[in-house]
Protein backbone atom coordinates (compact mmCIF):
# COMPACT_ATOMS: atom_id res chain seq x y z
CA UNK A 1 0.00 0.00 0.00
CA UNK A 2 1.54 3.29 -0.97
CA UNK A 3 1.84 6.12 1.53
CA UNK A 4 0.02 8.44 -0.87
CA UNK A 5 -3.26 6.57 -0.37
CA UNK A 6 -3.32 6.68 3.42
CA UNK A 7 -5.63 8.94 5.40
CA UNK A 8 -3.73 11.67 7.23
CA UNK A 9 -4.36 12.34 10.90
CA UNK A 10 -4.01 15.65 12.77
CA UNK A 11 -4.05 15.74 16.57
CA UNK A 12 -5.10 19.12 17.95
CA UNK A 13 -4.41 19.73 21.63
CA UNK A 14 -4.02 22.80 23.78
CA UNK A 15 -0.53 21.48 24.57
CA UNK A 16 2.20 20.81 22.03
CA UNK A 17 3.59 18.08 24.28
CA UNK A 18 0.24 16.32 24.62
CA UNK A 19 -0.42 16.39 20.87
CA UNK A 20 3.04 15.01 20.08
CA UNK A 21 2.87 12.36 22.82
CA UNK A 22 -0.55 11.10 21.75
CA UNK A 23 0.72 10.84 18.17
CA UNK A 24 3.78 8.89 19.29
CA UNK A 25 1.64 6.60 21.45
CA UNK A 26 -0.86 5.93 18.67
CA UNK A 27 1.87 5.13 16.14
CA UNK A 28 3.65 2.86 18.63
CA UNK A 29 0.47 0.97 19.50
CA UNK A 30 -0.23 0.59 15.78
CA UNK A 31 2.98 -1.38 15.43
CA UNK A 32 5.11 1.63 14.62
CA UNK A 33 2.82 2.72 11.79
CA UNK A 34 5.47 4.94 10.25
CA UNK A 35 3.70 5.15 6.89
CA UNK A 36 0.60 6.79 8.41
CA UNK A 37 1.00 10.55 8.17
CA UNK A 38 0.29 11.89 11.67
CA UNK A 39 0.94 15.49 12.69
CA UNK A 40 0.48 17.18 16.04
CA UNK A 41 -0.96 20.68 16.15
CA UNK A 42 -0.61 21.60 19.77
CA UNK A 43 -0.43 24.86 21.60
CA UNK A 44 0.24 28.26 20.13
CA UNK A 45 2.99 29.53 17.83
CA UNK A 46 4.92 30.94 20.78
CA UNK A 47 4.83 27.63 22.69
CA UNK A 48 1.99 28.52 25.03
CA UNK A 49 -1.18 26.66 25.84
CA UNK A 50 -4.06 27.14 23.44
CA UNK A 51 -4.89 26.43 19.83
CA UNK A 52 -3.60 27.93 16.63
CA UNK A 53 -5.43 28.00 13.31
CA UNK A 54 -2.09 28.40 11.56
CA UNK A 55 -0.57 25.31 13.23
CA UNK A 56 -3.69 23.27 12.47
CA UNK A 57 -3.69 24.33 8.80
CA UNK A 58 0.01 23.55 8.44
CA UNK A 59 -0.39 20.15 10.11
CA UNK A 60 -3.31 19.23 7.85
CA UNK A 61 -1.37 20.23 4.74
CA UNK A 62 1.61 18.17 5.89
CA UNK A 63 -0.40 14.93 6.22
CA UNK A 64 -2.63 15.32 3.15
CA UNK A 65 -1.99 12.43 0.77
CA UNK A 66 -5.24 12.80 -1.17
CA UNK A 67 -7.24 10.25 0.85
CA UNK A 68 -8.62 12.74 3.35
CA UNK A 69 -7.51 14.13 6.69
CA UNK A 70 -9.06 13.15 10.02
CA UNK A 71 -8.73 15.83 12.70
CA UNK A 72 -9.10 14.83 16.36
CA UNK A 73 -9.25 17.46 19.09
CA UNK A 74 -8.95 17.57 22.86
CA UNK A 75 -11.07 20.42 24.28
CA UNK A 76 -13.73 22.96 23.35
CA UNK A 77 -11.76 25.78 21.73
CA UNK A 78 -9.79 23.27 19.66
CA UNK A 79 -13.11 22.05 18.27
CA UNK A 80 -14.24 25.62 17.59
CA UNK A 81 -10.98 26.48 15.83
CA UNK A 82 -11.22 23.45 13.53
CA UNK A 83 -14.90 24.18 12.82
CA UNK A 84 -14.01 27.76 11.88
CA UNK A 85 -11.27 26.55 9.54
CA UNK A 86 -13.65 24.07 7.91
CA UNK A 87 -16.27 26.81 7.48
CA UNK A 88 -13.76 29.06 5.71
CA UNK A 89 -13.45 26.35 3.09
CA UNK A 90 -9.95 27.04 1.82
CA UNK A 91 -7.81 26.78 4.96
CA UNK A 92 -7.72 22.97 5.13
CA UNK A 93 -7.15 20.37 2.42
CA UNK A 94 -10.18 19.04 0.59
CA UNK A 95 -11.52 16.01 2.39
CA UNK A 96 -10.58 17.23 5.87
CA UNK A 97 -13.02 16.11 8.53
CA UNK A 98 -13.42 16.91 12.22
CA UNK A 99 -13.84 13.55 13.95
CA UNK A 100 -16.00 13.32 17.06
CA UNK A 101 -13.93 10.89 19.13
CA UNK A 102 -12.11 10.67 22.45
CA UNK A 103 -8.66 12.15 21.97
CA UNK A 104 -6.32 9.35 23.07
CA UNK A 105 -8.40 6.25 22.33
CA UNK A 106 -9.72 7.78 19.12
CA UNK A 107 -6.22 8.64 17.93
CA UNK A 108 -5.05 5.08 18.48
CA UNK A 109 -8.07 3.66 16.64
CA UNK A 110 -7.66 6.15 13.79
CA UNK A 111 -3.96 5.39 13.29
CA UNK A 112 -4.47 1.62 13.47
CA UNK A 113 -7.31 1.82 10.95
CA UNK A 114 -5.44 4.18 8.62
CA UNK A 115 -2.39 1.89 8.78
CA UNK A 116 -4.58 -0.90 7.40
CA UNK A 117 -5.29 1.29 4.36
CA UNK A 118 -8.88 2.11 5.29
CA UNK A 119 -10.67 5.09 3.79
CA UNK A 120 -11.66 8.25 5.68
CA UNK A 121 -15.15 6.96 6.53
CA UNK A 122 -13.67 3.84 8.17
CA UNK A 123 -11.01 5.85 10.02
CA UNK A 124 -13.69 8.21 11.34
CA UNK A 125 -15.95 5.31 12.37
CA UNK A 126 -13.14 3.51 14.20
CA UNK A 127 -12.16 6.65 16.09
CA UNK A 128 -15.77 7.45 17.02
CA UNK A 129 -16.33 3.87 18.16
CA UNK A 130 -13.70 4.45 20.83
CA UNK A 131 -16.41 6.27 22.82
CA UNK A 132 -17.85 2.83 23.59
CA UNK A 133 -14.66 1.37 25.09
CA UNK A 134 -15.55 0.32 28.61
CA UNK A 135 -12.98 0.56 31.39
CA UNK A 136 -14.94 -1.16 34.09
C-alpha atoms as a PDB file:
ATOM      1  CA  UNK A   1       0.000   0.000   0.000  1.00  0.00           C
ATOM      2  CA  UNK A   2       1.543   3.292  -0.969  1.00  0.00           C
ATOM      3  CA  UNK A   3       1.838   6.118   1.526  1.00  0.00           C
ATOM      4  CA  UNK A   4       0.015   8.444  -0.869  1.00  0.00           C
ATOM      5  CA  UNK A   5      -3.258   6.565  -0.372  1.00  0.00           C
ATOM      6  CA  UNK A   6      -3.325   6.677   3.421  1.00  0.00           C
ATOM      7  CA  UNK A   7      -5.633   8.936   5.404  1.00  0.00           C
ATOM      8  CA  UNK A   8      -3.727  11.669   7.232  1.00  0.00           C
ATOM      9  CA  UNK A   9      -4.359  12.343  10.898  1.00  0.00           C
ATOM     10  CA  UNK A  10      -4.008  15.645  12.774  1.00  0.00           C
ATOM     11  CA  UNK A  11      -4.055  15.735  16.567  1.00  0.00           C
ATOM     12  CA  UNK A  12      -5.101  19.115  17.950  1.00  0.00           C
ATOM     13  CA  UNK A  13      -4.411  19.733  21.629  1.00  0.00           C
ATOM     14  CA  UNK A  14      -4.015  22.801  23.780  1.00  0.00           C
ATOM     15  CA  UNK A  15      -0.533  21.479  24.574  1.00  0.00           C
ATOM     16  CA  UNK A  16       2.204  20.806  22.035  1.00  0.00           C
ATOM     17  CA  UNK A  17       3.590  18.077  24.282  1.00  0.00           C
ATOM     18  CA  UNK A  18       0.236  16.323  24.616  1.00  0.00           C
ATOM     19  CA  UNK A  19      -0.419  16.387  20.867  1.00  0.00           C
ATOM     20  CA  UNK A  20       3.039  15.009  20.078  1.00  0.00           C
ATOM     21  CA  UNK A  21       2.873  12.359  22.816  1.00  0.00           C
ATOM     22  CA  UNK A  22      -0.549  11.100  21.747  1.00  0.00           C
ATOM     23  CA  UNK A  23       0.718  10.838  18.173  1.00  0.00           C
ATOM     24  CA  UNK A  24       3.780   8.887  19.289  1.00  0.00           C
ATOM     25  CA  UNK A  25       1.638   6.601  21.454  1.00  0.00           C
ATOM     26  CA  UNK A  26      -0.864   5.930  18.665  1.00  0.00           C
ATOM     27  CA  UNK A  27       1.867   5.127  16.137  1.00  0.00           C
ATOM     28  CA  UNK A  28       3.652   2.859  18.627  1.00  0.00           C
ATOM     29  CA  UNK A  29       0.471   0.968  19.498  1.00  0.00           C
ATOM     30  CA  UNK A  30      -0.234   0.585  15.779  1.00  0.00           C
ATOM     31  CA  UNK A  31       2.982  -1.383  15.429  1.00  0.00           C
ATOM     32  CA  UNK A  32       5.115   1.625  14.620  1.00  0.00           C
ATOM     33  CA  UNK A  33       2.819   2.724  11.789  1.00  0.00           C
ATOM     34  CA  UNK A  34       5.473   4.945  10.251  1.00  0.00           C
ATOM     35  CA  UNK A  35       3.696   5.146   6.894  1.00  0.00           C
ATOM     36  CA  UNK A  36       0.604   6.787   8.407  1.00  0.00           C
ATOM     37  CA  UNK A  37       1.004  10.554   8.173  1.00  0.00           C
ATOM     38  CA  UNK A  38       0.289  11.887  11.667  1.00  0.00           C
ATOM     39  CA  UNK A  39       0.936  15.489  12.690  1.00  0.00           C
ATOM     40  CA  UNK A  40       0.485  17.176  16.042  1.00  0.00           C
ATOM     41  CA  UNK A  41      -0.959  20.682  16.150  1.00  0.00           C
ATOM     42  CA  UNK A  42      -0.611  21.602  19.773  1.00  0.00           C
ATOM     43  CA  UNK A  43      -0.434  24.863  21.598  1.00  0.00           C
ATOM     44  CA  UNK A  44       0.243  28.262  20.126  1.00  0.00           C
ATOM     45  CA  UNK A  45       2.987  29.532  17.826  1.00  0.00           C
ATOM     46  CA  UNK A  46       4.916  30.938  20.784  1.00  0.00           C
ATOM     47  CA  UNK A  47       4.830  27.635  22.688  1.00  0.00           C
ATOM     48  CA  UNK A  48       1.989  28.521  25.028  1.00  0.00           C
ATOM     49  CA  UNK A  49      -1.178  26.663  25.840  1.00  0.00           C
ATOM     50  CA  UNK A  50      -4.060  27.142  23.439  1.00  0.00           C
ATOM     51  CA  UNK A  51      -4.893  26.430  19.832  1.00  0.00           C
ATOM     52  CA  UNK A  52      -3.602  27.931  16.633  1.00  0.00           C
ATOM     53  CA  UNK A  53      -5.428  27.999  13.313  1.00  0.00           C
ATOM     54  CA  UNK A  54      -2.085  28.397  11.564  1.00  0.00           C
ATOM     55  CA  UNK A  55      -0.571  25.311  13.226  1.00  0.00           C
ATOM     56  CA  UNK A  56      -3.688  23.267  12.466  1.00  0.00           C
ATOM     57  CA  UNK A  57      -3.687  24.327   8.801  1.00  0.00           C
ATOM     58  CA  UNK A  58       0.013  23.550   8.445  1.00  0.00           C
ATOM     59  CA  UNK A  59      -0.386  20.147  10.107  1.00  0.00           C
ATOM     60  CA  UNK A  60      -3.309  19.226   7.845  1.00  0.00           C
ATOM     61  CA  UNK A  61      -1.374  20.235   4.737  1.00  0.00           C
ATOM     62  CA  UNK A  62       1.609  18.172   5.887  1.00  0.00           C
ATOM     63  CA  UNK A  63      -0.397  14.932   6.219  1.00  0.00           C
ATOM     64  CA  UNK A  64      -2.626  15.317   3.154  1.00  0.00           C
ATOM     65  CA  UNK A  65      -1.992  12.427   0.769  1.00  0.00           C
ATOM     66  CA  UNK A  66      -5.238  12.799  -1.174  1.00  0.00           C
ATOM     67  CA  UNK A  67      -7.241  10.248   0.853  1.00  0.00           C
ATOM     68  CA  UNK A  68      -8.622  12.744   3.354  1.00  0.00           C
ATOM     69  CA  UNK A  69      -7.512  14.131   6.689  1.00  0.00           C
ATOM     70  CA  UNK A  70      -9.060  13.147  10.020  1.00  0.00           C
ATOM     71  CA  UNK A  71      -8.730  15.830  12.704  1.00  0.00           C
ATOM     72  CA  UNK A  72      -9.101  14.833  16.358  1.00  0.00           C
ATOM     73  CA  UNK A  73      -9.252  17.464  19.090  1.00  0.00           C
ATOM     74  CA  UNK A  74      -8.946  17.567  22.862  1.00  0.00           C
ATOM     75  CA  UNK A  75     -11.071  20.419  24.281  1.00  0.00           C
ATOM     76  CA  UNK A  76     -13.732  22.964  23.345  1.00  0.00           C
ATOM     77  CA  UNK A  77     -11.763  25.779  21.733  1.00  0.00           C
ATOM     78  CA  UNK A  78      -9.786  23.268  19.657  1.00  0.00           C
ATOM     79  CA  UNK A  79     -13.110  22.051  18.269  1.00  0.00           C
ATOM     80  CA  UNK A  80     -14.241  25.622  17.595  1.00  0.00           C
ATOM     81  CA  UNK A  81     -10.985  26.484  15.833  1.00  0.00           C
ATOM     82  CA  UNK A  82     -11.222  23.450  13.534  1.00  0.00           C
ATOM     83  CA  UNK A  83     -14.901  24.176  12.820  1.00  0.00           C
ATOM     84  CA  UNK A  84     -14.006  27.760  11.882  1.00  0.00           C
ATOM     85  CA  UNK A  85     -11.265  26.548   9.540  1.00  0.00           C
ATOM     86  CA  UNK A  86     -13.653  24.072   7.905  1.00  0.00           C
ATOM     87  CA  UNK A  87     -16.274  26.810   7.476  1.00  0.00           C
ATOM     88  CA  UNK A  88     -13.765  29.057   5.707  1.00  0.00           C
ATOM     89  CA  UNK A  89     -13.452  26.347   3.087  1.00  0.00           C
ATOM     90  CA  UNK A  90      -9.949  27.036   1.822  1.00  0.00           C
ATOM     91  CA  UNK A  91      -7.811  26.779   4.956  1.00  0.00           C
ATOM     92  CA  UNK A  92      -7.723  22.974   5.131  1.00  0.00           C
ATOM     93  CA  UNK A  93      -7.146  20.373   2.416  1.00  0.00           C
ATOM     94  CA  UNK A  94     -10.181  19.044   0.588  1.00  0.00           C
ATOM     95  CA  UNK A  95     -11.522  16.011   2.395  1.00  0.00           C
ATOM     96  CA  UNK A  96     -10.585  17.232   5.867  1.00  0.00           C
ATOM     97  CA  UNK A  97     -13.025  16.112   8.534  1.00  0.00           C
ATOM     98  CA  UNK A  98     -13.417  16.915  12.221  1.00  0.00           C
ATOM     99  CA  UNK A  99     -13.841  13.552  13.948  1.00  0.00           C
ATOM    100  CA  UNK A 100     -16.002  13.319  17.061  1.00  0.00           C
ATOM    101  CA  UNK A 101     -13.931  10.892  19.135  1.00  0.00           C
ATOM    102  CA  UNK A 102     -12.106  10.672  22.450  1.00  0.00           C
ATOM    103  CA  UNK A 103      -8.657  12.153  21.968  1.00  0.00           C
ATOM    104  CA  UNK A 104      -6.323   9.348  23.067  1.00  0.00           C
ATOM    105  CA  UNK A 105      -8.398   6.250  22.328  1.00  0.00           C
ATOM    106  CA  UNK A 106      -9.720   7.778  19.119  1.00  0.00           C
ATOM    107  CA  UNK A 107      -6.222   8.644  17.928  1.00  0.00           C
ATOM    108  CA  UNK A 108      -5.050   5.076  18.484  1.00  0.00           C
ATOM    109  CA  UNK A 109      -8.069   3.659  16.644  1.00  0.00           C
ATOM    110  CA  UNK A 110      -7.659   6.148  13.791  1.00  0.00           C
ATOM    111  CA  UNK A 111      -3.960   5.394  13.288  1.00  0.00           C
ATOM    112  CA  UNK A 112      -4.468   1.617  13.474  1.00  0.00           C
ATOM    113  CA  UNK A 113      -7.310   1.822  10.949  1.00  0.00           C
ATOM    114  CA  UNK A 114      -5.435   4.181   8.618  1.00  0.00           C
ATOM    115  CA  UNK A 115      -2.386   1.885   8.779  1.00  0.00           C
ATOM    116  CA  UNK A 116      -4.577  -0.897   7.400  1.00  0.00           C
ATOM    117  CA  UNK A 117      -5.290   1.286   4.358  1.00  0.00           C
ATOM    118  CA  UNK A 118      -8.880   2.105   5.286  1.00  0.00           C
ATOM    119  CA  UNK A 119     -10.672   5.089   3.790  1.00  0.00           C
ATOM    120  CA  UNK A 120     -11.661   8.253   5.679  1.00  0.00           C
ATOM    121  CA  UNK A 121     -15.145   6.956   6.529  1.00  0.00           C
ATOM    122  CA  UNK A 122     -13.672   3.838   8.172  1.00  0.00           C
ATOM    123  CA  UNK A 123     -11.010   5.853  10.023  1.00  0.00           C
ATOM    124  CA  UNK A 124     -13.693   8.209  11.343  1.00  0.00           C
ATOM    125  CA  UNK A 125     -15.951   5.308  12.375  1.00  0.00           C
ATOM    126  CA  UNK A 126     -13.137   3.511  14.203  1.00  0.00           C
ATOM    127  CA  UNK A 127     -12.157   6.648  16.090  1.00  0.00           C
ATOM    128  CA  UNK A 128     -15.768   7.449  17.023  1.00  0.00           C
ATOM    129  CA  UNK A 129     -16.332   3.870  18.159  1.00  0.00           C
ATOM    130  CA  UNK A 130     -13.705   4.451  20.833  1.00  0.00           C
ATOM    131  CA  UNK A 131     -16.410   6.268  22.824  1.00  0.00           C
ATOM    132  CA  UNK A 132     -17.848   2.834  23.587  1.00  0.00           C
ATOM    133  CA  UNK A 133     -14.656   1.372  25.094  1.00  0.00           C
ATOM    134  CA  UNK A 134     -15.548   0.323  28.608  1.00  0.00           C
ATOM    135  CA  UNK A 135     -12.977   0.564  31.388  1.00  0.00           C
ATOM    136  CA  UNK A 136     -14.937  -1.158  34.093  1.00  0.00           C
END
